[in-house]
Amino acid sequence: MKINQSLAKIPVVVAGRPKSGSLDMKRHISKVTTILVLLLIPILGIFRIDVSSGFVIMDKQIWFSDFYIVFGFWLTLACTAIMFYSTVGTAFCGWVCPQNTFSNLMDSITKKLLGKRAVIDWENKSSKIANKKNKPLNWILLVVQIILVSMIVALLPLIYFISPGAIWAFLTFQEHETISNSLYWIYSVFVFITAVNLGVVRHYFCRYMCVYRMWQFLFKTSDTLHIDYDESRKADCEKCNYCETVCMVDIDPTKTQTFDSCTNCGACITACNQIHQKSNQPGLLKFKFGKRRSKEVLGQRSLSSFAQRARVVVPVMVLGLSMYIWGLAQYEPFHLAVYKSEKHQGEQINEYRVNISNKLYEPGDVTISVLGLDEKAFEISSAKHSFNDVGRFDSYITVKNILEPGLYSFVVIASSKERQWEKRVRMQHFVKRG
């Protein structure tokens, strides 16, 4: 086999995985930073999904009626994704993706305990569990670590739908108004699916099931980052395929194509550099922007360049970002709505429902008043309300039967001095004759 020839040529270097070089260290730092950022984003209230209203941005409850914020946010995010994937291709998978991050972690743990990276050999390769490590204790330790990691990973989707206070109550088995016992069953299902993924599937998800990776292909250009192979020195690797053995998606880095499973993680570059460092020569692989040295794959020439795409995408991204900033500047912390109470057709309507919603995750006071009617002509069930958190409050305005027949116009005013907010809604009240 080719790998055996490689072992004969460089027995010391190929005996294990490459040591952490500068590229490996940067990749590890990037992955750890990503996990920390993913945890902090919902905890700090930067972004979270609120199923009752829409989503949360910077601890503000964003409704779909907040058009400039919603449209500007997603337009900016979409344009940023297009520019990112057009530039670095699938580097998200190799440097950021949580799936690959935890899969690499379980690869390392599995190899340490069993002597091989994968528990199940899907492709019938020759790697086997080391006899010295094939012990019940090692298997128990592996299962325990898979479960512990799965329990942590399964929390990630929950913290994007549940507030930090509710998550803490969930973890400490306390009562909370926004969670129920069914959440523990949902979490258990997440843990089971994650455990199967990290214990058995791992990188095969990336290679065969990840729709997100295929979606990134749509944004590749002729300038997109890729692994470049120096074919002028191909004689140096005739008996070596070390770069292929360290590849987590099992492709040949010397024959990468525009649309393949490569994640631009750079593990093959580090491996090749380590082999040639003793001879004070650079490796045959490196990252490169622009066209490949080898023959272009079919359809490559039809791909647009980054500059061509940027001329279209950047103005749209600036527009989206401007709308988003404008929406935040005009954001209203409360929402006021006034409705006529439901009555049978033809009956006199004397009651109006005033609905006020607090859209911030913090306490706030709101005062309700009426302008245009004599104070003796109406009553307000509750002229002031204090919110402790996000929520809704109803107050009722009852117009007394002391007005002369006719059409009366009045204004319902809701205001909050502490938040410097005021909203007015004009209503028409009709008093029938008789």
Protein backbone atom coordinates (compact mmCIF):
# COMPACT_ATOMS: atom_id res chain seq x y z
CA MET A 1 0.00 0.00 0.00
CA LYS A 2 1.04 3.58 -0.59
CA ILE A 3 0.91 4.49 3.08
CA ASN A 4 3.26 1.63 3.94
CA GLN A 5 5.79 3.02 1.46
CA SER A 6 5.37 6.35 3.15
CA LEU A 7 6.09 4.79 6.52
CA ALA A 8 9.24 3.20 5.19
CA LYS A 9 10.47 6.52 3.90
CA ILE A 10 9.66 8.68 6.95
CA PRO A 11 9.01 6.36 9.88
CA VAL A 12 9.53 8.96 12.64
CA VAL A 13 7.33 11.73 11.28
CA VAL A 14 4.40 9.65 10.11
CA ALA A 15 4.16 7.65 13.32
CA GLY A 16 1.58 10.09 14.70
CA ARG A 17 -0.47 13.11 13.79
CA PRO A 18 1.43 16.33 13.09
CA LYS A 19 2.47 18.36 16.07
CA SER A 20 0.78 21.70 16.62
CA GLY A 21 2.40 24.16 14.25
CA SER A 22 1.51 27.78 13.80
CA LEU A 23 -1.30 26.98 11.34
CA ASP A 24 -2.71 24.29 13.62
CA MET A 25 -2.56 26.60 16.61
CA LYS A 26 -4.39 29.38 14.73
CA ARG A 27 -7.05 26.90 13.68
CA HIS A 28 -7.51 25.63 17.25
CA ILE A 29 -7.72 29.20 18.58
CA SER A 30 -10.29 30.03 15.90
CA LYS A 31 -12.46 27.06 16.85
CA VAL A 32 -12.29 27.71 20.60
CA THR A 33 -13.06 31.38 20.02
CA THR A 34 -16.05 30.42 17.87
CA ILE A 35 -17.50 28.18 20.59
CA LEU A 36 -17.06 30.93 23.20
CA VAL A 37 -18.69 33.49 20.89
CA LEU A 38 -21.61 31.14 20.18
CA LEU A 39 -22.15 30.81 23.93
CA LEU A 40 -21.81 34.51 24.71
CA ILE A 41 -24.06 35.80 21.90
CA PRO A 42 -27.35 34.60 23.47
CA ILE A 43 -26.15 34.96 27.08
CA LEU A 44 -25.28 38.64 26.57
CA GLY A 45 -28.51 39.23 24.66
CA ILE A 46 -26.75 40.08 21.39
CA PHE A 47 -28.93 37.70 19.38
CA ARG A 48 -31.55 35.16 20.39
CA ILE A 49 -34.73 33.75 18.89
CA ASP A 50 -37.94 34.57 20.76
CA VAL A 51 -40.70 32.26 19.54
CA SER A 52 -43.38 34.51 21.05
CA SER A 53 -42.47 37.56 18.97
CA GLY A 54 -39.60 37.12 16.52
CA PHE A 55 -36.05 37.43 17.76
CA VAL A 56 -33.89 39.43 20.16
CA ILE A 57 -31.07 41.79 19.18
CA MET A 58 -29.01 43.51 21.88
CA ASP A 59 -31.66 42.65 24.50
CA LYS A 60 -34.36 44.26 22.38
CA GLN A 61 -37.39 42.23 21.39
CA ILE A 62 -37.59 42.62 17.62
CA TRP A 63 -40.97 42.14 16.00
CA PHE A 64 -41.49 41.50 12.32
CA SER A 65 -43.19 44.90 12.23
CA ASP A 66 -39.76 46.45 12.91
CA PHE A 67 -39.18 46.37 9.17
CA TYR A 68 -35.91 48.30 8.92
CA ILE A 69 -34.22 46.21 11.61
CA VAL A 70 -35.48 42.85 10.32
CA PHE A 71 -34.89 43.48 6.62
CA GLY A 72 -31.62 45.36 7.19
CA PHE A 73 -30.27 42.65 9.51
CA TRP A 74 -30.92 39.74 7.18
CA LEU A 75 -29.84 41.66 4.09
CA THR A 76 -26.54 42.57 5.76
CA LEU A 77 -26.07 39.00 7.03
CA ALA A 78 -26.76 37.51 3.59
CA CYS A 79 -24.36 39.91 1.84
CA THR A 80 -21.67 39.28 4.47
CA ALA A 81 -22.04 35.53 3.93
CA ILE A 82 -21.74 35.94 0.16
CA MET A 83 -18.55 38.01 0.51
CA PHE A 84 -17.09 35.63 3.09
CA TYR A 85 -17.74 32.46 1.09
CA SER A 86 -16.66 34.12 -2.16
CA THR A 87 -13.32 34.94 -0.52
CA VAL A 88 -12.38 31.98 1.68
CA GLY A 89 -14.72 29.32 0.28
CA THR A 90 -15.38 26.50 2.75
CA ALA A 91 -12.92 27.77 5.37
CA PHE A 92 -15.93 28.11 7.67
CA CYS A 93 -16.07 24.31 7.84
CA GLY A 94 -12.40 23.87 8.71
CA TRP A 95 -11.88 26.87 11.00
CA VAL A 96 -15.25 27.72 12.56
CA CYS A 97 -17.88 24.97 12.20
CA PRO A 98 -18.92 23.54 15.63
CA GLN A 99 -19.67 20.16 14.00
CA ASN A 100 -16.09 19.75 12.83
CA THR A 101 -14.70 21.29 16.03
CA PHE A 102 -16.33 18.68 18.27
CA SER A 103 -15.73 15.92 15.71
CA ASN A 104 -12.00 16.70 15.81
CA LEU A 105 -12.15 16.67 19.61
CA MET A 106 -13.74 13.22 19.62
CA ASP A 107 -11.21 12.03 17.01
CA SER A 108 -8.40 12.96 19.40
CA ILE A 109 -10.12 11.34 22.40
CA THR A 110 -10.92 8.16 20.44
CA LYS A 111 -7.36 7.85 19.13
CA LYS A 112 -5.95 8.35 22.62
CA LEU A 113 -8.19 5.65 24.11
CA LEU A 114 -8.48 3.16 21.23
CA GLY A 115 -5.54 3.92 18.96
CA LYS A 116 -7.69 4.96 15.96
CA ARG A 117 -9.77 8.02 15.17
CA ALA A 118 -13.07 6.43 14.13
CA VAL A 119 -15.08 3.93 16.16
CA ILE A 120 -16.72 2.42 13.06
CA ASP A 121 -14.76 1.96 9.84
CA TRP A 122 -17.33 2.99 7.24
CA GLU A 123 -14.98 2.58 4.29
CA ASN A 124 -13.38 -0.74 5.33
CA LYS A 125 -9.91 0.68 5.76
CA SER A 126 -7.13 -1.27 7.37
CA SER A 127 -6.91 0.75 10.61
CA LYS A 128 -7.87 -1.33 13.64
CA ILE A 129 -8.24 -0.80 17.34
CA ALA A 130 -4.88 -1.26 19.07
CA ASN A 131 -4.80 -4.55 20.99
CA LYS A 132 -3.24 -2.90 24.03
CA LYS A 133 -6.04 -0.33 24.19
CA ASN A 134 -8.99 -2.58 23.39
CA LYS A 135 -10.05 -2.81 27.03
CA PRO A 136 -13.46 -2.35 28.72
CA LEU A 137 -12.16 0.59 30.78
CA ASN A 138 -11.13 2.51 27.65
CA TRP A 139 -14.51 1.89 26.07
CA ILE A 140 -16.30 3.07 29.22
CA LEU A 141 -14.18 6.22 29.36
CA LEU A 142 -14.92 6.90 25.69
CA VAL A 143 -18.68 6.49 26.14
CA VAL A 144 -18.68 8.70 29.26
CA GLN A 145 -16.76 11.45 27.48
CA ILE A 146 -19.03 11.26 24.43
CA ILE A 147 -22.08 11.67 26.68
CA LEU A 148 -20.55 14.58 28.62
CA VAL A 149 -19.56 16.42 25.45
CA SER A 150 -22.99 15.70 23.94
CA MET A 151 -24.71 17.17 26.99
CA ILE A 152 -22.74 20.38 26.53
CA VAL A 153 -23.27 20.55 22.76
CA ALA A 154 -27.02 19.89 23.11
CA LEU A 155 -27.34 23.07 25.17
CA LEU A 156 -26.21 25.26 22.26
CA PRO A 157 -29.53 25.22 20.36
CA LEU A 158 -31.51 25.66 23.60
CA ILE A 159 -29.76 28.85 24.70
CA TYR A 160 -30.77 30.47 21.40
CA PHE A 161 -34.46 29.90 22.16
CA ILE A 162 -34.57 30.25 25.94
CA SER A 163 -33.50 33.20 28.09
CA PRO A 164 -30.36 32.83 30.27
CA GLY A 165 -32.49 32.90 33.43
CA ALA A 166 -34.63 30.04 32.16
CA ILE A 167 -31.53 28.06 31.13
CA TRP A 168 -30.12 28.42 34.65
CA ALA A 169 -33.43 27.26 36.13
CA PHE A 170 -33.39 24.33 33.70
CA LEU A 171 -29.86 23.28 34.71
CA THR A 172 -30.56 23.63 38.44
CA PHE A 173 -34.00 21.93 38.22
CA GLN A 174 -35.82 25.04 39.45
CA GLU A 175 -39.30 26.19 38.53
CA HIS A 176 -39.57 28.81 35.81
CA GLU A 177 -42.64 30.23 34.07
CA THR A 178 -41.20 29.82 30.56
CA ILE A 179 -40.10 26.17 30.78
CA SER A 180 -41.95 22.91 31.33
CA ASN A 181 -41.00 19.33 32.07
CA SER A 182 -41.28 18.47 28.37
CA LEU A 183 -38.11 20.51 27.79
CA TYR A 184 -36.10 17.80 29.56
CA TRP A 185 -37.41 15.25 27.06
CA ILE A 186 -36.51 17.54 24.18
CA TYR A 187 -33.04 18.03 25.62
CA SER A 188 -32.63 14.26 26.05
CA VAL A 189 -33.42 13.75 22.36
CA PHE A 190 -30.83 16.41 21.46
CA VAL A 191 -28.25 14.64 23.64
CA PHE A 192 -28.98 11.27 22.01
CA ILE A 193 -28.73 12.64 18.46
CA THR A 194 -25.52 14.52 19.32
CA ALA A 195 -24.00 11.42 20.95
CA VAL A 196 -24.69 9.33 17.84
CA ASN A 197 -23.23 12.08 15.68
CA LEU A 198 -20.05 12.53 17.74
CA GLY A 199 -19.62 8.84 18.51
CA VAL A 200 -20.23 7.36 15.06
CA VAL A 201 -20.94 9.84 12.27
CA ARG A 202 -18.53 12.77 12.83
CA HIS A 203 -16.91 13.96 9.59
CA TYR A 204 -19.14 11.77 7.43
CA PHE A 205 -21.90 14.28 8.16
CA CYS A 206 -19.75 16.95 6.50
CA ARG A 207 -18.95 14.78 3.52
CA TYR A 208 -22.36 13.33 2.72
CA MET A 209 -25.15 15.05 4.69
CA CYS A 210 -24.26 18.71 5.26
CA VAL A 211 -26.53 20.90 3.14
CA TYR A 212 -24.78 24.00 4.45
CA ARG A 213 -21.48 22.93 2.86
CA MET A 214 -23.19 22.40 -0.48
CA TRP A 215 -24.84 25.81 -0.13
CA GLN A 216 -21.40 27.42 0.20
CA PHE A 217 -20.47 26.10 -3.24
CA LEU A 218 -22.94 28.54 -4.78
CA PHE A 219 -20.70 31.45 -3.79
CA LYS A 220 -17.35 30.20 -5.05
CA THR A 221 -15.55 32.31 -7.64
CA SER A 222 -12.41 31.92 -9.72
CA ASP A 223 -10.51 33.74 -6.94
CA THR A 224 -11.78 31.70 -3.98
CA LEU A 225 -9.20 30.40 -1.49
CA HIS A 226 -8.05 26.83 -2.14
CA ILE A 227 -5.17 24.39 -1.53
CA ASP A 228 -2.44 24.87 -4.13
CA TYR A 229 -0.06 22.03 -5.03
CA ASP A 230 3.39 22.62 -6.49
CA GLU A 231 3.43 20.07 -9.31
CA SER A 232 7.00 20.99 -10.28
CA ARG A 233 8.16 19.11 -7.16
CA LYS A 234 5.80 16.16 -7.41
CA ALA A 235 8.75 13.79 -7.40
CA ASP A 236 9.19 14.62 -3.69
CA CYS A 237 5.90 12.93 -2.83
CA GLU A 238 5.87 9.88 -5.06
CA LYS A 239 6.16 7.55 -2.06
CA CYS A 240 4.23 9.68 0.43
CA ASN A 241 0.56 10.39 0.99
CA TYR A 242 0.83 11.80 4.50
CA CYS A 243 -1.24 14.86 3.58
CA GLU A 244 -4.06 12.54 2.54
CA THR A 245 -3.94 10.49 5.73
CA VAL A 246 -4.37 13.57 7.96
CA CYS A 247 -7.23 14.98 5.88
CA MET A 248 -10.42 14.77 7.95
CA VAL A 249 -12.58 14.35 4.84
CA ASP A 250 -10.24 11.83 3.20
CA ILE A 251 -9.47 13.57 -0.09
CA ASP A 252 -6.16 13.94 -1.92
CA PRO A 253 -4.97 17.53 -1.26
CA THR A 254 -2.76 17.39 -4.35
CA LYS A 255 -5.83 17.01 -6.57
CA THR A 256 -8.36 19.42 -5.11
CA GLN A 257 -11.13 20.70 -7.35
CA THR A 258 -13.44 23.68 -7.26
CA PHE A 259 -16.33 21.62 -5.91
CA ASP A 260 -15.06 18.92 -3.56
CA SER A 261 -15.17 18.09 0.15
CA CYS A 262 -12.12 20.21 1.07
CA THR A 263 -12.77 22.42 4.12
CA ASN A 264 -9.63 24.58 3.77
CA CYS A 265 -8.60 23.57 7.29
CA GLY A 266 -4.88 23.50 6.36
CA ALA A 267 -4.07 20.24 8.17
CA CYS A 268 -2.49 18.88 4.98
CA ILE A 269 -0.30 22.00 4.66
CA THR A 270 0.99 21.55 8.21
CA ALA A 271 1.67 17.85 7.60
CA CYS A 272 3.60 18.51 4.38
CA ASN A 273 5.62 21.31 5.98
CA GLN A 274 6.62 19.07 8.89
CA ILE A 275 7.90 16.39 6.53
CA HIS A 276 10.10 18.81 4.60
CA GLN A 277 11.29 20.96 7.50
CA LYS A 278 14.27 18.67 8.21
CA SER A 279 15.60 19.37 4.73
CA ASN A 280 14.94 23.11 5.20
CA GLN A 281 12.47 23.12 2.30
CA PRO A 282 8.91 24.39 2.24
CA GLY A 283 6.07 21.94 1.73
CA LEU A 284 4.40 21.36 -1.60
CA LEU A 285 1.02 22.65 -0.38
CA LYS A 286 -0.13 26.15 0.51
CA PHE A 287 -3.20 28.37 0.57
CA LYS A 288 -3.76 30.41 -2.56
CA PHE A 289 -6.26 32.89 -4.01
CA GLY A 290 -6.90 32.93 -7.75
CA LYS A 291 -6.76 30.29 -10.47
CA ARG A 292 -5.17 26.93 -9.87
CA ARG A 293 -1.89 25.88 -11.44
CA SER A 294 -3.41 22.62 -12.61
CA LYS A 295 -5.93 22.36 -15.44
CA GLU A 296 -9.21 24.05 -14.59
CA VAL A 297 -12.18 21.81 -13.95
CA LEU A 298 -15.10 21.93 -16.38
CA GLY A 299 -17.17 25.05 -15.85
CA GLN A 300 -14.50 26.89 -13.82
CA ARG A 301 -14.14 29.67 -16.37
CA SER A 302 -17.80 30.57 -16.09
CA LEU A 303 -17.34 31.50 -12.42
CA SER A 304 -17.31 35.23 -11.72
CA SER A 305 -14.34 36.88 -10.06
CA PHE A 306 -14.45 38.28 -6.54
CA ALA A 307 -14.13 41.85 -7.85
CA GLN A 308 -17.12 41.40 -10.17
CA ARG A 309 -19.25 40.03 -7.38
CA ALA A 310 -18.12 42.67 -4.88
CA ARG A 311 -19.25 45.49 -7.15
CA VAL A 312 -22.81 44.17 -6.84
CA VAL A 313 -22.86 42.82 -3.29
CA VAL A 314 -21.07 45.61 -1.39
CA PRO A 315 -23.61 48.37 -2.26
CA VAL A 316 -26.46 46.06 -1.25
CA MET A 317 -24.67 45.25 2.02
CA VAL A 318 -24.18 48.97 2.74
CA LEU A 319 -27.89 49.51 2.08
CA GLY A 320 -28.83 46.70 4.46
CA LEU A 321 -26.46 47.93 7.16
CA SER A 322 -27.85 51.48 6.83
CA MET A 323 -31.41 50.20 7.19
CA TYR A 324 -30.40 48.18 10.24
CA ILE A 325 -28.71 51.14 11.95
CA TRP A 326 -31.65 53.42 11.11
CA GLY A 327 -34.08 50.84 12.50
CA LEU A 328 -32.15 50.61 15.78
CA ALA A 329 -32.04 54.41 16.03
CA GLN A 330 -35.84 54.59 15.57
CA TYR A 331 -36.58 51.59 17.74
CA GLU A 332 -39.53 51.98 20.11
CA PRO A 333 -39.17 50.20 23.49
CA PHE A 334 -42.96 49.92 23.88
CA HIS A 335 -45.80 49.17 21.49
CA LEU A 336 -49.23 50.77 21.80
CA ALA A 337 -52.43 49.47 20.25
CA VAL A 338 -56.03 50.62 20.92
CA TYR A 339 -59.08 48.54 20.01
CA LYS A 340 -62.80 48.97 20.29
CA SER A 341 -64.35 46.42 22.60
CA GLU A 342 -66.35 43.72 20.83
CA LYS A 343 -70.08 44.37 20.81
CA HIS A 344 -73.02 43.05 18.84
CA GLN A 345 -73.76 45.00 15.69
CA GLY A 346 -75.79 48.11 16.42
CA GLU A 347 -74.95 48.28 20.12
CA GLN A 348 -73.36 51.38 21.60
CA ILE A 349 -69.59 51.01 22.03
CA ASN A 350 -68.40 52.69 25.21
CA GLU A 351 -65.29 50.65 26.02
CA TYR A 352 -61.83 50.70 24.42
CA ARG A 353 -59.01 48.30 25.13
CA VAL A 354 -55.51 49.77 25.38
CA ASN A 355 -52.78 47.17 24.86
CA ILE A 356 -49.19 48.06 25.74
CA SER A 357 -46.23 45.74 25.16
CA ASN A 358 -42.80 46.10 26.75
CA LYS A 359 -40.17 45.07 24.17
CA LEU A 360 -37.10 45.39 26.41
CA TYR A 361 -35.87 42.77 28.84
CA GLU A 362 -35.77 45.24 31.72
CA PRO A 363 -38.23 47.05 34.05
CA GLY A 364 -40.17 50.05 32.77
CA ASP A 365 -43.15 52.26 33.67
CA VAL A 366 -45.89 53.41 31.30
CA THR A 367 -48.55 56.08 31.88
CA ILE A 368 -51.84 56.21 29.96
CA SER A 369 -53.85 59.38 29.42
CA VAL A 370 -56.66 60.64 27.18
CA LEU A 371 -56.73 63.94 25.32
CA GLY A 372 -59.87 65.40 23.73
CA LEU A 373 -62.52 64.29 26.19
CA ASP A 374 -63.59 65.91 29.43
CA GLU A 375 -62.10 64.15 32.45
CA LYS A 376 -65.63 63.51 33.78
CA ALA A 377 -66.63 61.77 30.54
CA PHE A 378 -64.38 58.72 30.82
CA GLU A 379 -62.62 56.35 33.23
CA ILE A 380 -59.30 54.47 32.86
CA SER A 381 -59.10 51.12 34.61
CA SER A 382 -55.35 51.53 35.15
CA ALA A 383 -53.59 54.76 34.21
CA LYS A 384 -50.11 53.49 35.10
CA HIS A 385 -48.37 50.13 34.87
CA SER A 386 -44.91 48.89 35.84
CA PHE A 387 -43.28 46.13 33.79
CA ASN A 388 -40.69 43.85 35.37
CA ASP A 389 -39.70 42.26 32.06
CA VAL A 390 -41.00 41.89 28.51
CA GLY A 391 -44.74 41.38 28.46
CA ARG A 392 -48.15 42.80 27.64
CA PHE A 393 -50.65 44.82 29.66
CA ASP A 394 -54.29 45.73 28.99
CA SER A 395 -56.04 48.81 30.32
CA TYR A 396 -59.62 49.81 29.54
CA ILE A 397 -61.08 53.22 28.77
CA THR A 398 -64.81 53.48 29.45
CA VAL A 399 -66.70 56.46 28.02
CA LYS A 400 -69.64 57.42 30.22
CA ASN A 401 -73.18 57.93 28.87
CA ILE A 402 -73.17 61.66 29.57
CA LEU A 403 -72.13 62.87 26.16
CA GLU A 404 -74.53 64.42 23.69
CA PRO A 405 -75.21 62.44 20.49
CA GLY A 406 -72.54 63.00 17.86
CA LEU A 407 -69.01 62.08 16.78
CA TYR A 408 -66.16 62.71 19.21
CA SER A 409 -62.47 62.47 18.43
CA PHE A 410 -59.99 61.70 21.20
CA VAL A 411 -56.36 60.68 21.49
CA VAL A 412 -54.96 57.87 23.65
CA ILE A 413 -51.46 58.74 24.86
CA ALA A 414 -48.95 56.26 26.33
CA SER A 415 -45.66 57.62 27.63
CA SER A 416 -42.58 56.66 29.63
CA LYS A 417 -40.38 59.43 31.03
CA GLU A 418 -37.47 57.13 31.91
CA ARG A 419 -37.23 55.84 28.34
CA GLN A 420 -38.21 59.16 26.74
CA TRP A 421 -40.97 57.49 24.76
CA GLU A 422 -44.43 58.64 23.80
CA LYS A 423 -47.00 57.22 21.39
CA ARG A 424 -50.40 58.57 20.36
CA VAL A 425 -53.36 56.83 18.74
CA ARG A 426 -56.39 58.79 17.53
CA MET A 427 -59.83 57.21 18.00
CA GLN A 428 -63.38 58.13 16.98
CA HIS A 429 -66.25 57.71 19.45
CA PHE A 430 -69.81 57.84 18.15
CA VAL A 431 -72.77 58.47 20.45
CA LYS A 432 -76.10 57.45 18.95
CA ARG A 433 -79.33 59.32 19.39
CA GLY A 434 -81.78 57.89 21.87
